[in-house]
Protein backbone atom coordinates (compact mmCIF):
# COMPACT_ATOMS: atom_id res chain seq x y z
CA UNK A 1 29.95 -28.52 49.81
CA UNK A 2 31.15 -32.11 50.38
CA UNK A 3 34.10 -33.07 48.19
CA UNK A 4 33.07 -35.56 45.54
CA UNK A 5 35.01 -38.61 44.30
CA UNK A 6 34.11 -41.56 42.09
CA UNK A 7 35.31 -44.76 40.44
CA UNK A 8 34.79 -45.19 36.69
CA UNK A 9 34.53 -48.57 34.99
CA UNK A 10 32.40 -50.77 32.76
CA UNK A 11 31.04 -52.94 34.31
CA UNK A 12 31.12 -51.22 37.70
CA UNK A 13 28.22 -52.63 39.78
CA UNK A 14 30.57 -55.13 41.48
CA UNK A 15 33.02 -52.44 42.66
CA UNK A 16 34.00 -52.47 46.33
CA UNK A 17 35.62 -49.01 46.04
CA UNK A 18 32.62 -46.99 47.35
CA UNK A 19 32.48 -49.14 50.51
CA UNK A 20 36.27 -48.97 50.96
CA UNK A 21 36.44 -45.18 50.63
CA UNK A 22 33.38 -44.67 52.84
CA UNK A 23 35.17 -46.71 55.52
CA UNK A 24 38.38 -44.69 55.04
CA UNK A 25 36.43 -41.41 55.32
CA UNK A 26 34.70 -42.52 58.53
CA UNK A 27 37.98 -43.75 60.00
CA UNK A 28 39.86 -40.50 59.28
CA UNK A 29 37.02 -38.03 59.88
CA UNK A 30 37.01 -36.79 56.29
CA UNK A 31 33.78 -35.40 54.81
CA UNK A 32 33.43 -36.69 51.25
CA UNK A 33 31.15 -38.59 48.91
CA UNK A 34 32.27 -41.45 46.66
CA UNK A 35 30.17 -43.08 43.96
CA UNK A 36 30.54 -45.73 41.26
CA UNK A 37 29.97 -44.39 37.73
CA UNK A 38 29.30 -46.61 34.72
CA UNK A 39 31.22 -44.90 31.91
CA UNK A 40 30.16 -45.63 28.32
CA UNK A 41 32.70 -47.83 26.54
CA UNK A 42 32.96 -45.27 23.74
CA UNK A 43 33.00 -42.10 25.88
CA UNK A 44 35.09 -42.58 29.00
CA UNK A 45 36.75 -39.16 28.65
CA UNK A 46 33.39 -37.39 28.28
CA UNK A 47 32.10 -39.09 31.42
CA UNK A 48 35.19 -38.15 33.46
CA UNK A 49 35.32 -34.56 32.21
CA UNK A 50 31.62 -34.08 33.03
CA UNK A 51 32.31 -35.33 36.57
CA UNK A 52 35.20 -32.89 37.03
CA UNK A 53 33.23 -30.03 35.46
CA UNK A 54 30.51 -30.65 38.07
CA UNK A 55 33.06 -30.19 40.86
CA UNK A 56 34.58 -33.66 41.22
CA UNK A 57 37.91 -33.62 43.08
CA UNK A 58 39.37 -36.97 42.11
CA UNK A 59 38.57 -40.39 40.70
CA UNK A 60 39.66 -43.99 40.51
CA UNK A 61 39.67 -45.81 37.20
CA UNK A 62 39.23 -49.54 36.69
CA UNK A 63 38.92 -51.86 33.69
CA UNK A 64 38.76 -51.26 30.81
CA UNK A 65 39.72 -47.57 31.04
CA UNK A 66 43.17 -47.35 32.69
CA UNK A 67 44.99 -46.80 29.39
CA UNK A 68 42.44 -44.18 28.30
CA UNK A 69 42.86 -42.43 31.67
CA UNK A 70 46.60 -42.30 30.98
CA UNK A 71 45.92 -40.45 27.70
CA UNK A 72 43.63 -37.99 29.48
CA UNK A 73 46.18 -36.64 31.96
CA UNK A 74 48.10 -33.37 31.78
CA UNK A 75 50.70 -34.62 34.29
CA UNK A 76 51.83 -38.10 35.34
CA UNK A 77 53.66 -39.77 38.21
CA UNK A 78 56.65 -41.94 37.35
CA UNK A 79 54.62 -45.04 38.23
CA UNK A 80 51.83 -44.04 35.84
CA UNK A 81 54.32 -43.22 33.10
CA UNK A 82 56.03 -46.61 33.40
CA UNK A 83 52.72 -48.46 33.57
CA UNK A 84 51.23 -46.44 30.68
CA UNK A 85 48.05 -46.79 32.74
CA UNK A 86 46.34 -44.66 35.38
CA UNK A 87 44.05 -45.79 38.20
CA UNK A 88 43.98 -42.51 40.15
CA UNK A 89 43.01 -39.08 38.81
CA UNK A 90 43.63 -35.91 40.81
CA UNK A 91 42.09 -32.56 39.88
CA UNK A 92 44.79 -29.95 40.52
CA UNK A 93 44.04 -26.41 41.72
CA UNK A 94 44.83 -24.99 38.28
CA UNK A 95 42.28 -27.31 36.64
CA UNK A 96 44.77 -29.73 35.14
CA UNK A 97 44.49 -33.47 35.79
CA UNK A 98 47.32 -35.48 37.32
CA UNK A 99 47.42 -39.23 36.87
CA UNK A 100 48.96 -41.79 39.20
CA UNK A 101 49.07 -45.58 39.40
CA UNK A 102 48.78 -46.93 42.93
CA UNK A 103 48.43 -50.63 42.02
CA UNK A 104 52.11 -51.39 42.59
CA UNK A 105 52.02 -49.63 45.95
CA UNK A 106 49.01 -51.73 46.97
CA UNK A 107 50.70 -54.97 45.92
CA UNK A 108 53.99 -54.27 47.71
CA UNK A 109 52.25 -53.01 50.86
CA UNK A 110 50.22 -56.23 51.00
CA UNK A 111 53.16 -58.53 50.27
CA UNK A 112 55.30 -56.76 52.87
CA UNK A 113 52.87 -57.83 55.59
CA UNK A 114 53.95 -61.44 54.98
CA UNK A 115 57.53 -61.50 53.68
CA UNK A 116 60.65 -59.42 53.18
CA UNK A 117 60.99 -58.63 49.47
CA UNK A 118 64.69 -57.76 49.60
CA UNK A 119 66.73 -59.93 47.16
CA UNK A 120 63.84 -62.28 46.40
CA UNK A 121 63.78 -64.23 43.12
CA UNK A 122 60.40 -63.38 41.57
CA UNK A 123 58.36 -64.91 38.75
CA UNK A 124 55.79 -62.52 37.28
CA UNK A 125 53.08 -64.19 35.21
CA UNK A 126 51.51 -61.98 32.54
CA UNK A 127 52.71 -58.88 30.73
CA UNK A 128 49.60 -56.70 30.55
CA UNK A 129 48.70 -53.51 32.39
CA UNK A 130 48.52 -55.20 35.80
CA UNK A 131 52.06 -56.57 35.45
CA UNK A 132 53.43 -53.32 34.09
CA UNK A 133 51.78 -51.36 36.90
CA UNK A 134 53.63 -53.23 39.66
CA UNK A 135 57.18 -53.40 38.25
CA UNK A 136 58.55 -50.11 39.60
CA UNK A 137 57.20 -50.74 43.09
CA UNK A 138 58.65 -54.26 43.20
CA UNK A 139 62.05 -53.01 42.06
CA UNK A 140 61.93 -50.13 44.57
CA UNK A 141 61.18 -52.69 47.31
CA UNK A 142 64.53 -54.30 46.54
CA UNK A 143 63.60 -57.62 44.92
CA UNK A 144 66.67 -59.32 43.51
CA UNK A 145 65.41 -60.30 40.09
CA UNK A 146 62.12 -60.63 38.21
CA UNK A 147 61.52 -63.19 35.47
CA UNK A 148 58.53 -62.35 33.27
CA UNK A 149 56.56 -65.14 31.61
CA UNK A 150 53.75 -64.46 29.17
CA UNK A 151 52.08 -66.60 26.51
CA UNK A 152 53.14 -64.01 23.95
CA UNK A 153 56.90 -63.83 24.51
CA UNK A 154 57.32 -60.50 22.69
CA UNK A 155 55.06 -58.78 25.26
CA UNK A 156 57.25 -60.06 28.09
CA UNK A 157 60.30 -58.74 26.21
CA UNK A 158 58.76 -55.25 26.07
CA UNK A 159 58.32 -55.25 29.86
CA UNK A 160 61.81 -56.61 30.49
CA UNK A 161 63.26 -53.67 28.54
CA UNK A 162 62.05 -51.30 31.29
CA UNK A 163 64.96 -52.38 33.53
CA UNK A 164 67.14 -54.93 31.69
CA UNK A 165 69.54 -55.41 34.63
CA UNK A 166 66.80 -56.81 36.88
CA UNK A 167 64.10 -58.03 34.51
CA UNK A 168 64.20 -60.80 31.94
CA UNK A 169 61.62 -62.36 29.67
CA UNK A 170 61.69 -66.17 29.67
CA UNK A 171 60.02 -68.88 27.64
CA UNK A 172 58.27 -71.76 29.42
CA UNK A 173 61.21 -74.16 29.12
CA UNK A 174 63.60 -71.51 30.50
CA UNK A 175 61.78 -70.94 33.80
CA UNK A 176 63.78 -71.67 36.94
CA UNK A 177 62.84 -74.06 39.72
CA UNK A 178 61.57 -72.89 43.08
CA UNK A 179 60.96 -69.13 42.94
CA UNK A 180 60.75 -67.23 46.23
CA UNK A 181 57.68 -65.33 45.04
CA UNK A 182 55.29 -66.03 42.16
CA UNK A 183 52.85 -63.27 41.20
CA UNK A 184 49.96 -64.07 38.88
CA UNK A 185 48.92 -60.81 37.20
CA UNK A 186 46.74 -62.58 34.61
CA UNK A 187 42.96 -62.78 34.92
CA UNK A 188 43.01 -66.57 34.31
CA UNK A 189 41.47 -67.32 37.73
CA UNK A 190 38.36 -65.33 36.81
CA UNK A 191 37.69 -67.94 34.12
CA UNK A 192 38.71 -70.93 36.23
CA UNK A 193 41.90 -71.30 34.18
CA UNK A 194 45.59 -71.58 35.03
CA UNK A 195 48.65 -69.95 33.47
CA UNK A 196 50.63 -72.54 31.50
CA UNK A 197 53.61 -73.01 33.83
CA UNK A 198 55.53 -76.11 34.94
CA UNK A 199 54.99 -77.40 38.49
CA UNK A 200 58.73 -77.05 39.15
CA UNK A 201 58.48 -73.25 39.54
CA UNK A 202 56.72 -73.83 42.88
CA UNK A 203 58.72 -74.99 45.90
CA UNK A 204 57.89 -75.43 49.57
CA UNK A 205 59.38 -71.98 50.30
CA UNK A 206 57.42 -70.21 47.51
CA UNK A 207 54.98 -67.42 48.35
CA UNK A 208 52.31 -67.20 45.66
CA UNK A 209 50.14 -64.15 44.98
CA UNK A 210 47.08 -64.04 42.71
CA UNK A 211 46.03 -60.47 41.87
CA UNK A 212 42.47 -61.75 41.45
CA UNK A 213 40.29 -62.42 44.49
CA UNK A 214 36.98 -64.14 45.12
CA UNK A 215 34.84 -65.57 47.90
CA UNK A 216 36.44 -68.98 47.26
CA UNK A 217 40.17 -69.69 46.96
CA UNK A 218 41.20 -68.68 43.43
CA UNK A 219 42.00 -71.36 40.83
CA UNK A 220 45.66 -70.34 40.76
CA UNK A 221 46.04 -70.36 44.55
CA UNK A 222 44.37 -73.77 44.81
CA UNK A 223 46.82 -75.17 42.26
CA UNK A 224 50.01 -73.74 43.83
CA UNK A 225 48.85 -74.95 47.27
CA UNK A 226 48.56 -78.46 45.79
CA UNK A 227 52.18 -78.11 44.59
CA UNK A 228 53.27 -77.38 48.17
CA UNK A 229 53.61 -73.57 48.18
CA UNK A 230 54.51 -72.06 51.57
CA UNK A 231 51.73 -69.47 51.46
CA UNK A 232 49.03 -68.25 49.07
CA UNK A 233 47.63 -64.73 48.98
CA UNK A 234 44.91 -63.16 46.85
CA UNK A 235 44.48 -59.61 45.55
CA UNK A 236 41.98 -58.28 48.10
CA UNK A 237 44.77 -56.70 50.15
CA UNK A 238 46.20 -55.11 47.01
CA UNK A 239 42.76 -53.64 46.23
CA UNK A 240 42.46 -52.04 49.67
CA UNK A 241 46.11 -50.95 49.64
CA UNK A 242 45.90 -49.17 46.30
CA UNK A 243 42.69 -47.49 47.48
CA UNK A 244 44.45 -46.28 50.64
CA UNK A 245 47.21 -44.73 48.56
CA UNK A 246 44.63 -43.00 46.30
CA UNK A 247 42.86 -41.67 49.40
CA UNK A 248 46.17 -40.30 50.68
CA UNK A 249 46.94 -38.60 47.35
CA UNK A 250 43.53 -36.87 47.45
CA UNK A 251 43.23 -36.08 51.16
CA UNK A 252 46.77 -36.03 52.58
CA UNK A 253 45.77 -38.56 55.25
CA UNK A 254 46.80 -42.23 55.16
CA UNK A 255 43.99 -44.52 56.37
CA UNK A 256 44.53 -47.84 58.14
CA UNK A 257 44.17 -50.75 55.72
CA UNK A 258 43.78 -53.67 58.16
CA UNK A 259 40.30 -52.98 59.62
CA UNK A 260 38.82 -52.34 56.17
CA UNK A 261 40.51 -55.42 54.71
CA UNK A 262 39.27 -57.58 57.57
CA UNK A 263 35.72 -56.30 57.13
CA UNK A 264 35.80 -57.06 53.37
CA UNK A 265 37.25 -60.51 54.02
CA UNK A 266 34.39 -61.33 56.40
CA UNK A 267 31.92 -60.04 53.83
CA UNK A 268 33.43 -62.33 51.18
CA UNK A 269 33.26 -65.30 53.54
CA UNK A 270 29.57 -64.54 54.02
CA UNK A 271 29.06 -64.58 50.26
CA UNK A 272 30.85 -67.94 50.03
CA UNK A 273 28.71 -69.66 52.66
């Protein structure tokens, strides 16, 4: 019987995960099926447990269920524990469920294609699950320091407490000038909005990364480019990178990200034209 995998979310019709994992399976010669499942808002756990009871081997989890997936697990990776959110579920041989969070891996893998993260001064915008999910991976990659800015200062303080030596929560008027790397973990671009930050945080050496992606340049990336940023990147590479790590955790084989990313990028360009 073909091993079965799925992604759970609500909404889920827009998900690129089935196409990504089908491409990974073809590339690595793995026989598996992967489907998108619309989980009821009020019964995510029931939907997941039914999938595993029917023989499912593993699953991805997207919004709004990552925190609920965290609660569901019998065992957690350090990344998942720090994030308090899970995007990858693995059915263990003894029937227990292990949770992991591969978002940070995907982000760092994508960033590392363009710049060396060692000792970089980083500004992280937002303090929700997306921000929390990438902190450990950024610190492990050797960034020098991360300033966290969030509209609700107390939420940024909670994140900064994870590693007080390297993280600090700042208010708007305390932000430095000219960060090496600015990461927008908020969903503001989805609504055509911008995080409330001063133009001085962007310099001509700044790399700017929006975790959102779209067929057009995101609102955030358009704005930082206007301020003279050295390079702008969107979250499509992070999406494919986190999927590759999930695939590896399930199958023990690491797929190549670049051909799948390039194919998706061309697809997005087609949607834009």
